[in-house]
PDB file of all heavy atoms in Angstrom:
ATOM      1  N   LEU A   1      -7.585  39.026   2.627  1.00  0.00           N
ATOM      2  CA  LEU A   1      -6.760  38.239   3.534  1.00  0.00           C
ATOM      3  C   LEU A   1      -5.362  38.005   2.924  1.00  0.00           C
ATOM      4  O   LEU A   1      -5.248  37.853   1.694  1.00  0.00           O
ATOM      5  CB  LEU A   1      -7.433  36.898   3.784  1.00  0.00           C
ATOM      6  CG  LEU A   1      -8.707  36.990   4.631  1.00  0.00           C
ATOM      7  CD1 LEU A   1      -9.428  35.635   4.581  1.00  0.00           C
ATOM      8  CD2 LEU A   1      -8.429  37.355   6.097  1.00  0.00           C
ATOM      9  N   THR A   2      -4.327  37.940   3.738  1.00  0.00           N
ATOM     10  CA  THR A   2      -2.961  37.693   3.356  1.00  0.00           C
ATOM     11  C   THR A   2      -2.361  36.676   4.362  1.00  0.00           C
ATOM     12  O   THR A   2      -3.020  36.238   5.307  1.00  0.00           O
ATOM     13  CB  THR A   2      -2.177  39.050   3.281  1.00  0.00           C
ATOM     14  OG1 THR A   2      -1.954  39.443   4.644  1.00  0.00           O
ATOM     15  CG2 THR A   2      -2.867  40.049   2.480  1.00  0.00           C
ATOM     16  N   ASP A   3      -1.079  36.529   4.108  1.00  0.00           N
ATOM     17  CA  ASP A   3      -0.423  35.646   5.134  1.00  0.00           C
ATOM     18  C   ASP A   3       0.104  36.348   6.326  1.00  0.00           C
ATOM     19  O   ASP A   3       0.758  35.758   7.192  1.00  0.00           O
ATOM     20  CB  ASP A   3       0.804  34.872   4.401  1.00  0.00           C
ATOM     21  CG  ASP A   3       1.866  35.883   3.832  1.00  0.00           C
ATOM     22  OD1 ASP A   3       1.662  37.106   3.982  1.00  0.00           O
ATOM     23  OD2 ASP A   3       2.812  35.423   3.274  1.00  0.00           O
ATOM     24  N   SER A   4      -0.272  37.588   6.473  1.00  0.00           N
ATOM     25  CA  SER A   4       0.004  38.388   7.675  1.00  0.00           C
ATOM     26  C   SER A   4      -1.275  38.555   8.490  1.00  0.00           C
ATOM     27  O   SER A   4      -2.350  38.727   7.856  1.00  0.00           O
ATOM     28  CB  SER A   4       0.519  39.817   7.321  1.00  0.00           C
ATOM     29  OG  SER A   4       1.791  39.672   6.653  1.00  0.00           O
ATOM     30  N   GLU A   5      -1.182  38.520   9.807  1.00  0.00           N
ATOM     31  CA  GLU A   5      -2.332  38.624  10.610  1.00  0.00           C
ATOM     32  C   GLU A   5      -2.922  40.059  10.524  1.00  0.00           C
ATOM     33  O   GLU A   5      -2.202  41.055  10.570  1.00  0.00           O
ATOM     34  CB  GLU A   5      -1.975  38.310  12.110  1.00  0.00           C
ATOM     35  CG  GLU A   5      -1.748  36.865  12.374  1.00  0.00           C
ATOM     36  CD  GLU A   5      -1.533  36.603  13.845  1.00  0.00           C
ATOM     37  OE1 GLU A   5      -1.077  37.509  14.593  1.00  0.00           O
ATOM     38  OE2 GLU A   5      -1.866  35.444  14.291  1.00  0.00           O
ATOM     39  N   GLN A   6      -4.288  40.063  10.424  1.00  0.00           N
ATOM     40  CA  GLN A   6      -5.051  41.333  10.440  1.00  0.00           C
ATOM     41  C   GLN A   6      -6.072  41.254  11.509  1.00  0.00           C
ATOM     42  O   GLN A   6      -6.773  40.250  11.660  1.00  0.00           O
ATOM     43  CB  GLN A   6      -5.700  41.556   9.055  1.00  0.00           C
ATOM     44  CG  GLN A   6      -4.655  41.658   7.908  1.00  0.00           C
ATOM     45  CD  GLN A   6      -5.422  41.955   6.612  1.00  0.00           C
ATOM     46  OE1 GLN A   6      -6.004  42.960   6.349  1.00  0.00           O
ATOM     47  NE2 GLN A   6      -5.403  40.929   5.729  1.00  0.00           N
ATOM     48  N   GLU A   7      -6.269  42.338  12.233  1.00  0.00           N
ATOM     49  CA  GLU A   7      -7.236  42.374  13.281  1.00  0.00           C
ATOM     50  C   GLU A   7      -8.652  42.408  12.626  1.00  0.00           C
ATOM     51  O   GLU A   7      -8.966  43.365  11.829  1.00  0.00           O
ATOM     52  CB  GLU A   7      -7.028  43.562  14.135  1.00  0.00           C
ATOM     53  CG  GLU A   7      -7.928  43.632  15.407  1.00  0.00           C
ATOM     54  CD  GLU A   7      -7.580  44.878  16.278  1.00  0.00           C
ATOM     55  OE1 GLU A   7      -6.567  45.462  16.084  1.00  0.00           O
ATOM     56  OE2 GLU A   7      -8.504  45.145  17.148  1.00  0.00           O
ATOM     57  N   VAL A   8      -9.499  41.547  12.983  1.00  0.00           N
ATOM     58  CA  VAL A   8     -10.847  41.501  12.444  1.00  0.00           C
ATOM     59  C   VAL A   8     -11.926  41.742  13.459  1.00  0.00           C
ATOM     60  O   VAL A   8     -13.045  42.188  13.038  1.00  0.00           O
ATOM     61  CB  VAL A   8     -11.105  40.147  11.675  1.00  0.00           C
ATOM     62  CG1 VAL A   8     -10.230  40.069  10.498  1.00  0.00           C
ATOM     63  CG2 VAL A   8     -10.867  38.941  12.612  1.00  0.00           C
ATOM     64  N   ILE A   9     -11.708  41.424  14.727  1.00  0.00           N
ATOM     65  CA  ILE A   9     -12.692  41.743  15.807  1.00  0.00           C
ATOM     66  C   ILE A   9     -11.912  42.351  16.990  1.00  0.00           C
ATOM     67  O   ILE A   9     -10.845  41.814  17.358  1.00  0.00           O
ATOM     68  CB  ILE A   9     -13.425  40.461  16.254  1.00  0.00           C
ATOM     69  CG1 ILE A   9     -14.243  39.896  15.058  1.00  0.00           C
ATOM     70  CG2 ILE A   9     -14.436  40.812  17.371  1.00  0.00           C
ATOM     71  CD1 ILE A   9     -14.863  38.562  15.365  1.00  0.00           C
ATOM     72  N   HIS A  10     -12.462  43.439  17.554  1.00  0.00           N
ATOM     73  CA  HIS A  10     -11.823  44.041  18.706  1.00  0.00           C
ATOM     74  C   HIS A  10     -12.806  44.350  19.830  1.00  0.00           C
ATOM     75  O   HIS A  10     -13.991  44.025  19.674  1.00  0.00           O
ATOM     76  CB  HIS A  10     -11.065  45.341  18.233  1.00  0.00           C
ATOM     77  CG  HIS A  10     -12.045  46.408  17.743  1.00  0.00           C
ATOM     78  ND1 HIS A  10     -11.716  47.771  17.619  1.00  0.00           N
ATOM     79  CD2 HIS A  10     -13.336  46.359  17.305  1.00  0.00           C
ATOM     80  CE1 HIS A  10     -12.681  48.483  17.263  1.00  0.00           C
ATOM     81  NE2 HIS A  10     -13.691  47.657  16.999  1.00  0.00           N
ATOM     82  N   ASN A  11     -12.270  44.928  20.921  1.00  0.00           N
ATOM     83  CA  ASN A  11     -13.029  45.310  22.028  1.00  0.00           C
ATOM     84  C   ASN A  11     -13.827  44.071  22.703  1.00  0.00           C
ATOM     85  O   ASN A  11     -14.981  44.245  23.131  1.00  0.00           O
ATOM     86  CB  ASN A  11     -14.003  46.392  21.710  1.00  0.00           C
ATOM     87  CG  ASN A  11     -13.350  47.706  21.470  1.00  0.00           C
ATOM     88  OD1 ASN A  11     -12.255  47.959  21.960  1.00  0.00           O
ATOM     89  ND2 ASN A  11     -13.967  48.585  20.635  1.00  0.00           N
ATOM     90  N   ILE A  12     -13.139  42.955  22.738  1.00  0.00           N
ATOM     91  CA  ILE A  12     -13.755  41.796  23.418  1.00  0.00           C
ATOM     92  C   ILE A  12     -13.358  41.816  24.842  1.00  0.00           C
ATOM     93  O   ILE A  12     -12.182  41.857  25.221  1.00  0.00           O
ATOM     94  CB  ILE A  12     -13.258  40.479  22.784  1.00  0.00           C
ATOM     95  CG1 ILE A  12     -13.564  40.440  21.273  1.00  0.00           C
ATOM     96  CG2 ILE A  12     -13.902  39.287  23.411  1.00  0.00           C
ATOM     97  CD1 ILE A  12     -12.894  39.329  20.508  1.00  0.00           C
ATOM     98  N   ARG A  13     -14.387  41.888  25.674  1.00  0.00           N
ATOM     99  CA  ARG A  13     -14.147  41.786  27.119  1.00  0.00           C
ATOM    100  C   ARG A  13     -14.592  40.429  27.645  1.00  0.00           C
ATOM    101  O   ARG A  13     -14.584  39.439  26.930  1.00  0.00           O
ATOM    102  CB  ARG A  13     -14.828  42.951  27.845  1.00  0.00           C
ATOM    103  CG  ARG A  13     -14.197  44.303  27.453  1.00  0.00           C
ATOM    104  CD  ARG A  13     -14.848  45.455  28.222  1.00  0.00           C
ATOM    105  NE  ARG A  13     -14.300  46.769  27.825  1.00  0.00           N
ATOM    106  CZ  ARG A  13     -13.248  47.314  28.375  1.00  0.00           C
ATOM    107  NH1 ARG A  13     -12.550  46.695  29.297  1.00  0.00           N
ATOM    108  NH2 ARG A  13     -12.759  48.477  28.008  1.00  0.00           N
ATOM    109  N   SER A  14     -15.060  40.368  28.906  1.00  0.00           N
ATOM    110  CA  SER A  14     -15.558  39.063  29.426  1.00  0.00           C
ATOM    111  C   SER A  14     -16.930  38.747  28.847  1.00  0.00           C
ATOM    112  O   SER A  14     -17.823  39.567  29.057  1.00  0.00           O
ATOM    113  CB  SER A  14     -15.581  39.088  30.897  1.00  0.00           C
ATOM    114  OG  SER A  14     -14.229  39.199  31.417  1.00  0.00           O
ATOM    115  N   CYS A  15     -17.017  37.639  28.130  1.00  0.00           N
ATOM    116  CA  CYS A  15     -18.275  37.389  27.386  1.00  0.00           C
ATOM    117  C   CYS A  15     -18.238  35.965  26.833  1.00  0.00           C
ATOM    118  O   CYS A  15     -17.222  35.251  26.904  1.00  0.00           O
ATOM    119  CB  CYS A  15     -18.450  38.358  26.230  1.00  0.00           C
ATOM    120  SG  CYS A  15     -17.149  38.199  24.927  1.00  0.00           S
ATOM    121  N   TYR A  16     -19.341  35.565  26.255  1.00  0.00           N
ATOM    122  CA  TYR A  16     -19.378  34.359  25.337  1.00  0.00           C
ATOM    123  C   TYR A  16     -20.484  34.678  24.324  1.00  0.00           C
ATOM    124  O   TYR A  16     -21.484  35.319  24.572  1.00  0.00           O
ATOM    125  CB  TYR A  16     -19.673  33.079  26.116  1.00  0.00           C
ATOM    126  CG  TYR A  16     -20.965  33.065  26.894  1.00  0.00           C
ATOM    127  CD1 TYR A  16     -22.081  32.491  26.313  1.00  0.00           C
ATOM    128  CD2 TYR A  16     -21.047  33.523  28.238  1.00  0.00           C
ATOM    129  CE1 TYR A  16     -23.286  32.434  27.006  1.00  0.00           C
ATOM    130  CE2 TYR A  16     -22.262  33.475  28.906  1.00  0.00           C
ATOM    131  CZ  TYR A  16     -23.391  32.944  28.295  1.00  0.00           C
ATOM    132  OH  TYR A  16     -24.569  32.851  29.000  1.00  0.00           O
ATOM    133  N   THR A  17     -20.231  34.156  23.104  1.00  0.00           N
ATOM    134  CA  THR A  17     -21.141  34.483  21.995  1.00  0.00           C
ATOM    135  C   THR A  17     -22.335  33.571  21.857  1.00  0.00           C
ATOM    136  O   THR A  17     -23.285  33.788  21.103  1.00  0.00           O
ATOM    137  CB  THR A  17     -20.387  34.455  20.650  1.00  0.00           C
ATOM    138  OG1 THR A  17     -19.798  33.131  20.506  1.00  0.00           O
ATOM    139  CG2 THR A  17     -19.264  35.459  20.630  1.00  0.00           C
ATOM    140  N   GLY A  18     -22.258  32.408  22.510  1.00  0.00           N
ATOM    141  CA  GLY A  18     -23.131  31.230  22.213  1.00  0.00           C
ATOM    142  C   GLY A  18     -22.386  30.319  21.223  1.00  0.00           C
ATOM    143  O   GLY A  18     -21.476  30.765  20.525  1.00  0.00           O
ATOM    144  N   ASN A  19     -22.773  29.088  21.189  1.00  0.00           N
ATOM    145  CA  ASN A  19     -22.023  28.052  20.458  1.00  0.00           C
ATOM    146  C   ASN A  19     -22.821  27.630  19.304  1.00  0.00           C
ATOM    147  O   ASN A  19     -24.063  27.759  19.202  1.00  0.00           O
ATOM    148  CB  ASN A  19     -21.811  26.862  21.346  1.00  0.00           C
ATOM    149  CG  ASN A  19     -20.821  25.871  20.747  1.00  0.00           C
ATOM    150  OD1 ASN A  19     -19.969  26.256  19.968  1.00  0.00           O
ATOM    151  ND2 ASN A  19     -21.002  24.614  21.061  1.00  0.00           N
ATOM    152  N   ASN A  20     -22.095  27.287  18.197  1.00  0.00           N
ATOM    153  CA  ASN A  20     -22.672  26.700  16.956  1.00  0.00           C
ATOM    154  C   ASN A  20     -23.025  27.791  15.965  1.00  0.00           C
ATOM    155  O   ASN A  20     -23.023  28.934  16.271  1.00  0.00           O
ATOM    156  CB  ASN A  20     -23.792  25.728  17.284  1.00  0.00           C
ATOM    157  CG  ASN A  20     -23.375  24.479  17.990  1.00  0.00           C
ATOM    158  OD1 ASN A  20     -22.288  23.979  17.821  1.00  0.00           O
ATOM    159  ND2 ASN A  20     -24.170  24.061  18.929  1.00  0.00           N
ATOM    160  N   ALA A  21     -23.420  27.320  14.794  1.00  0.00           N
ATOM    161  CA  ALA A  21     -23.877  28.249  13.738  1.00  0.00           C
ATOM    162  C   ALA A  21     -25.083  29.019  14.202  1.00  0.00           C
ATOM    163  O   ALA A  21     -25.860  28.552  14.876  1.00  0.00           O
ATOM    164  CB  ALA A  21     -24.213  27.397  12.463  1.00  0.00           C
ATOM    165  N   GLY A  22     -25.115  30.308  13.739  1.00  0.00           N
ATOM    166  CA  GLY A  22     -26.170  31.217  14.168  1.00  0.00           C
ATOM    167  C   GLY A  22     -25.821  32.003  15.379  1.00  0.00           C
ATOM    168  O   GLY A  22     -26.646  32.857  15.850  1.00  0.00           O
ATOM    169  N   ASN A  23     -24.663  31.768  15.928  1.00  0.00           N
ATOM    170  CA  ASN A  23     -24.183  32.538  17.100  1.00  0.00           C
ATOM    171  C   ASN A  23     -22.859  33.234  16.764  1.00  0.00           C
ATOM    172  O   ASN A  23     -22.046  32.744  15.952  1.00  0.00           O
ATOM    173  CB  ASN A  23     -24.025  31.616  18.337  1.00  0.00           C
ATOM    174  CG  ASN A  23     -25.270  31.128  18.767  1.00  0.00           C
ATOM    175  OD1 ASN A  23     -26.165  31.858  19.309  1.00  0.00           O
ATOM    176  ND2 ASN A  23     -25.470  29.827  18.638  1.00  0.00           N
ATOM    177  N   GLY A  24     -22.625  34.335  17.446  1.00  0.00           N
ATOM    178  CA  GLY A  24     -21.371  35.024  17.186  1.00  0.00           C
ATOM    179  C   GLY A  24     -21.437  35.900  15.973  1.00  0.00           C
ATOM    180  O   GLY A  24     -22.410  36.601  15.684  1.00  0.00           O
TER     181      GLY A  24
END
């Protein structure tokens, strides 16, 4: 990690991961 943005997750369309720890 640096002070410049880096892409970490891609190809996200319409969705939801679920909420709270243990999801996503």
